[in-house]
C-alpha atoms as a PDB file:
ATOM      1  CA  MET A   1     177.790  52.421 -13.721  1.00  0.00           C
ATOM      2  CA  ILE A   2     176.729  55.869 -13.180  1.00  0.00           C
ATOM      3  CA  SER A   3     175.330  56.685  -9.533  1.00  0.00           C
ATOM      4  CA  MET A   4     172.454  59.243  -9.110  1.00  0.00           C
ATOM      5  CA  GLY A   5     170.638  60.366  -6.328  1.00  0.00           C
ATOM      6  CA  VAL A   6     166.959  59.763  -5.989  1.00  0.00           C
ATOM      7  CA  GLY A   7     166.226  63.866  -6.212  1.00  0.00           C
ATOM      8  CA  GLN A   8     167.899  63.929  -9.375  1.00  0.00           C
ATOM      9  CA  ILE A   9     165.714  61.265 -10.801  1.00  0.00           C
ATOM     10  CA  GLN A  10     162.586  63.254  -9.554  1.00  0.00           C
ATOM     11  CA  LYS A  11     163.765  66.200 -10.837  1.00  0.00           C
ATOM     12  CA  ASN A  12     164.480  64.764 -14.437  1.00  0.00           C
ATOM     13  CA  ILE A  13     162.440  62.025 -15.254  1.00  0.00           C
ATOM     14  CA  SER A  14     163.460  61.918 -18.796  1.00  0.00           C
ATOM     15  CA  ILE A  15     166.725  60.349 -17.665  1.00  0.00           C
ATOM     16  CA  LEU A  16     165.031  56.880 -17.060  1.00  0.00           C
ATOM     17  CA  THR A  17     163.591  56.967 -21.008  1.00  0.00           C
ATOM     18  CA  THR A  18     167.031  57.869 -22.452  1.00  0.00           C
ATOM     19  CA  LEU A  19     169.224  55.341 -20.538  1.00  0.00           C
ATOM     20  CA  THR A  20     171.936  53.741 -22.680  1.00  0.00           C
ATOM     21  CA  GLU A  21     173.732  52.058 -19.796  1.00  0.00           C
ATOM     22  CA  ALA A  22     172.547  50.706 -16.084  1.00  0.00           C
ATOM     23  CA  ILE A  23     172.475  53.388 -13.617  1.00  0.00           C
ATOM     24  CA  ARG A  24     172.681  52.969  -9.517  1.00  0.00           C
ATOM     25  CA  ILE A  25     170.211  55.109  -7.585  1.00  0.00           C
ATOM     26  CA  VAL A  26     171.429  56.243  -4.141  1.00  0.00           C
ATOM     27  CA  ASP A  27     169.832  57.417  -1.151  1.00  0.00           C
ATOM     28  CA  LYS A  28     172.489  60.201  -0.165  1.00  0.00           C
ATOM     29  CA  ARG A  29     170.920  60.752   3.432  1.00  0.00           C
ATOM     30  CA  ARG A  30     171.616  57.031   4.301  1.00  0.00           C
ATOM     31  CA  ASN A  31     174.515  56.521   1.499  1.00  0.00           C
ATOM     32  CA  LYS A  32     172.724  53.108   0.374  1.00  0.00           C
ATOM     33  CA  THR A  33     171.928  51.947  -2.929  1.00  0.00           C
ATOM     34  CA  VAL A  34     167.849  52.216  -3.351  1.00  0.00           C
ATOM     35  CA  ALA A  35     168.066  50.544  -6.945  1.00  0.00           C
ATOM     36  CA  ILE A  36     169.903  49.540 -10.056  1.00  0.00           C
ATOM     37  CA  VAL A  37     168.199  50.355 -13.292  1.00  0.00           C
ATOM     38  CA  TYR A  38     168.884  49.007 -16.460  1.00  0.00           C
ATOM     39  CA  PRO A  39     167.997  49.959 -19.980  1.00  0.00           C
ATOM     40  CA  ALA A  40     164.979  48.376 -21.353  1.00  0.00           C
ATOM     41  CA  SER A  41     166.468  47.903 -24.748  1.00  0.00           C
ATOM     42  CA  SER A  42     169.407  45.615 -23.293  1.00  0.00           C
ATOM     43  CA  SER A  43     169.478  42.196 -25.096  1.00  0.00           C
ATOM     44  CA  THR A  44     170.150  40.305 -22.064  1.00  0.00           C
ATOM     45  CA  SER A  45     167.399  39.138 -19.917  1.00  0.00           C
ATOM     46  CA  ILE A  46     168.122  40.335 -16.167  1.00  0.00           C
ATOM     47  CA  LEU A  47     164.620  40.144 -14.842  1.00  0.00           C
ATOM     48  CA  SER A  48     164.624  38.550 -11.449  1.00  0.00           C
ATOM     49  CA  LEU A  49     162.591  39.082  -8.083  1.00  0.00           C
ATOM     50  CA  ALA A  50     164.204  40.883  -5.076  1.00  0.00           C
ATOM     51  CA  GLY A  51     163.591  41.095  -1.595  1.00  0.00           C
ATOM     52  CA  LYS A  52     161.441  38.300   0.431  1.00  0.00           C
ATOM     53  CA  TYR A  53     160.775  35.974  -2.401  1.00  0.00           C
ATOM     54  CA  LYS A  54     163.822  36.028  -4.378  1.00  0.00           C
ATOM     55  CA  ASN A  55     164.900  32.567  -3.143  1.00  0.00           C
ATOM     56  CA  ARG A  56     161.451  31.180  -3.927  1.00  0.00           C
ATOM     57  CA  VAL A  57     160.918  31.890  -7.362  1.00  0.00           C
ATOM     58  CA  GLU A  58     163.527  31.147 -10.196  1.00  0.00           C
ATOM     59  CA  GLY A  59     164.485  34.186 -12.397  1.00  0.00           C
ATOM     60  CA  VAL A  60     162.228  34.434 -15.565  1.00  0.00           C
ATOM     61  CA  SER A  61     162.375  36.215 -18.960  1.00  0.00           C
ATOM     62  CA  ASP A  62     158.459  37.105 -18.393  1.00  0.00           C
ATOM     63  CA  LEU A  63     157.480  39.558 -16.057  1.00  0.00           C
ATOM     64  CA  THR A  64     153.895  38.512 -15.828  1.00  0.00           C
ATOM     65  CA  VAL A  65     154.951  34.802 -14.763  1.00  0.00           C
ATOM     66  CA  ALA A  66     157.192  36.228 -12.352  1.00  0.00           C
ATOM     67  CA  LYS A  67     154.291  38.424 -10.720  1.00  0.00           C
ATOM     68  CA  GLU A  68     151.956  35.293 -10.668  1.00  0.00           C
ATOM     69  CA  SER A  69     154.395  33.231  -9.061  1.00  0.00           C
ATOM     70  CA  ALA A  70     155.349  35.643  -6.394  1.00  0.00           C
ATOM     71  CA  MET A  71     151.567  36.368  -5.694  1.00  0.00           C
ATOM     72  CA  ILE A  72     150.853  32.563  -5.415  1.00  0.00           C
ATOM     73  CA  GLU A  73     153.540  32.567  -2.845  1.00  0.00           C
ATOM     74  CA  ALA A  74     152.307  35.596  -0.978  1.00  0.00           C
ATOM     75  CA  MET A  75     148.764  34.359  -1.048  1.00  0.00           C
ATOM     76  CA  GLY A  76     150.084  30.959   0.196  1.00  0.00           C
ATOM     77  CA  GLU A  77     151.930  32.332   3.159  1.00  0.00           C
ATOM     78  CA  LYS A  78     149.213  35.101   4.156  1.00  0.00           C
ATOM     79  CA  TYR A  79     146.324  32.823   3.828  1.00  0.00           C
ATOM     80  CA  GLY A  80     147.740  29.146   4.321  1.00  0.00           C
ATOM     81  CA  LEU A  81     146.627  28.240   0.797  1.00  0.00           C
ATOM     82  CA  SER A  82     148.479  25.060  -0.725  1.00  0.00           C
ATOM     83  CA  HIS A  83     149.194  25.516  -4.561  1.00  0.00           C
END
C-alpha cells in the first residue's frame, strides 16, 4: 500500500483518478492515517461505514442503502424518532 500526504493529493488530484492499488493518506504533522482510498474499479465490494455508526449498520454493497440507513440512525438519535 502506498502512503501519500494530504498535500500531495491536493497538488495533484489526478492521482485519485488513476489509482491501480490502494493508497493510505497520511497527515504528516500528526503522523496519523487520515484515509485509505481504494480504486473504484476493484472487483470486490469494500463499502462499509466508518465512525460513529459503523457498528450500527452492517456493511453493504450499495452506497445509497448505506447512506439511508445511516441517516435513519442519525435522525433517530437526534430527534428521538423510532423507525
